[in-house]
């Protein structure tokens, strides 16, 4: 497999882990807030925008950056 493809796949894996971790942390904060207010767990608009912005950045940039790094340094 070409090193640029390997770099892109590694970048994609890092992006997915980053998005999952960010979502878990935001969800944990929302759960604490819901427990304090005795309501259902629900992300507010700001938290949803934060997760989506992280996802767009991570999925749009990290695979491309990984491919470039793989090609430039290892190819």
Protein backbone atom coordinates (compact mmCIF):
# COMPACT_ATOMS: atom_id res chain seq x y z
CA UNK A 1 0.00 0.00 0.00
CA UNK A 2 1.28 3.44 -0.88
CA UNK A 3 2.55 5.51 2.05
CA UNK A 4 0.18 8.39 1.23
CA UNK A 5 -2.79 6.02 1.51
CA UNK A 6 -1.43 4.67 4.78
CA UNK A 7 -1.02 8.23 6.07
CA UNK A 8 -4.57 9.09 5.04
CA UNK A 9 -5.94 6.01 6.80
CA UNK A 10 -3.98 6.83 9.94
CA UNK A 11 -5.27 10.41 9.77
CA UNK A 12 -8.81 9.11 9.39
CA UNK A 13 -8.40 6.83 12.40
CA UNK A 14 -7.04 9.70 14.50
CA UNK A 15 -9.96 11.88 13.37
CA UNK A 16 -12.52 9.26 14.37
CA UNK A 17 -10.93 8.78 17.79
CA UNK A 18 -10.77 12.54 18.31
CA UNK A 19 -14.44 13.01 17.37
CA UNK A 20 -15.53 10.14 19.62
CA UNK A 21 -13.53 11.52 22.57
CA UNK A 22 -14.90 15.04 22.06
CA UNK A 23 -18.47 13.72 21.85
CA UNK A 24 -18.00 11.63 24.99
CA UNK A 25 -16.67 14.62 26.94
CA UNK A 26 -19.46 16.91 25.75
CA UNK A 27 -22.04 14.23 26.54
CA UNK A 28 -20.57 13.83 30.04
CA UNK A 29 -20.93 17.56 30.71
CA UNK A 30 -24.52 17.45 29.43
CA UNK A 31 -25.26 14.47 31.68
CA UNK A 32 -23.96 16.32 34.73
CA UNK A 33 -26.06 19.35 33.83
CA UNK A 34 -29.13 17.16 33.30
CA UNK A 35 -28.60 15.47 36.65
CA UNK A 36 -28.40 18.83 38.40
CA UNK A 37 -31.57 20.07 36.67
CA UNK A 38 -33.31 16.67 36.89
CA UNK A 39 -33.99 16.53 33.15
CA UNK A 40 -33.16 14.24 30.26
CA UNK A 41 -29.65 14.34 28.82
CA UNK A 42 -29.68 16.62 25.81
CA UNK A 43 -26.95 18.56 24.04
CA UNK A 44 -27.66 22.25 23.64
CA UNK A 45 -27.06 24.12 20.39
CA UNK A 46 -23.57 25.26 21.34
CA UNK A 47 -22.46 21.74 22.20
CA UNK A 48 -23.89 20.34 18.96
CA UNK A 49 -22.09 23.03 16.95
CA UNK A 50 -18.84 22.26 18.79
CA UNK A 51 -19.03 18.56 17.99
CA UNK A 52 -19.94 19.21 14.36
CA UNK A 53 -17.15 21.77 13.94
CA UNK A 54 -14.66 19.30 15.38
CA UNK A 55 -15.97 16.59 13.05
CA UNK A 56 -15.74 18.80 9.96
CA UNK A 57 -12.21 19.89 10.82
CA UNK A 58 -10.98 16.44 11.76
CA UNK A 59 -12.50 14.62 8.79
CA UNK A 60 -11.55 17.35 6.32
CA UNK A 61 -8.01 18.04 7.46
CA UNK A 62 -6.44 15.07 9.22
CA UNK A 63 -6.67 12.49 6.40
CA UNK A 64 -5.24 15.01 3.92
CA UNK A 65 -2.50 16.02 6.36
CA UNK A 66 -1.72 12.37 7.07
CA UNK A 67 -1.44 11.62 3.36
CA UNK A 68 0.86 14.59 2.86
CA UNK A 69 3.07 13.67 5.81
CA UNK A 70 3.24 10.06 4.66
CA UNK A 71 4.16 11.11 1.15
CA UNK A 72 6.61 13.87 2.15
CA UNK A 73 8.52 12.08 4.89
CA UNK A 74 8.18 8.38 4.16
CA UNK A 75 7.60 8.20 0.42
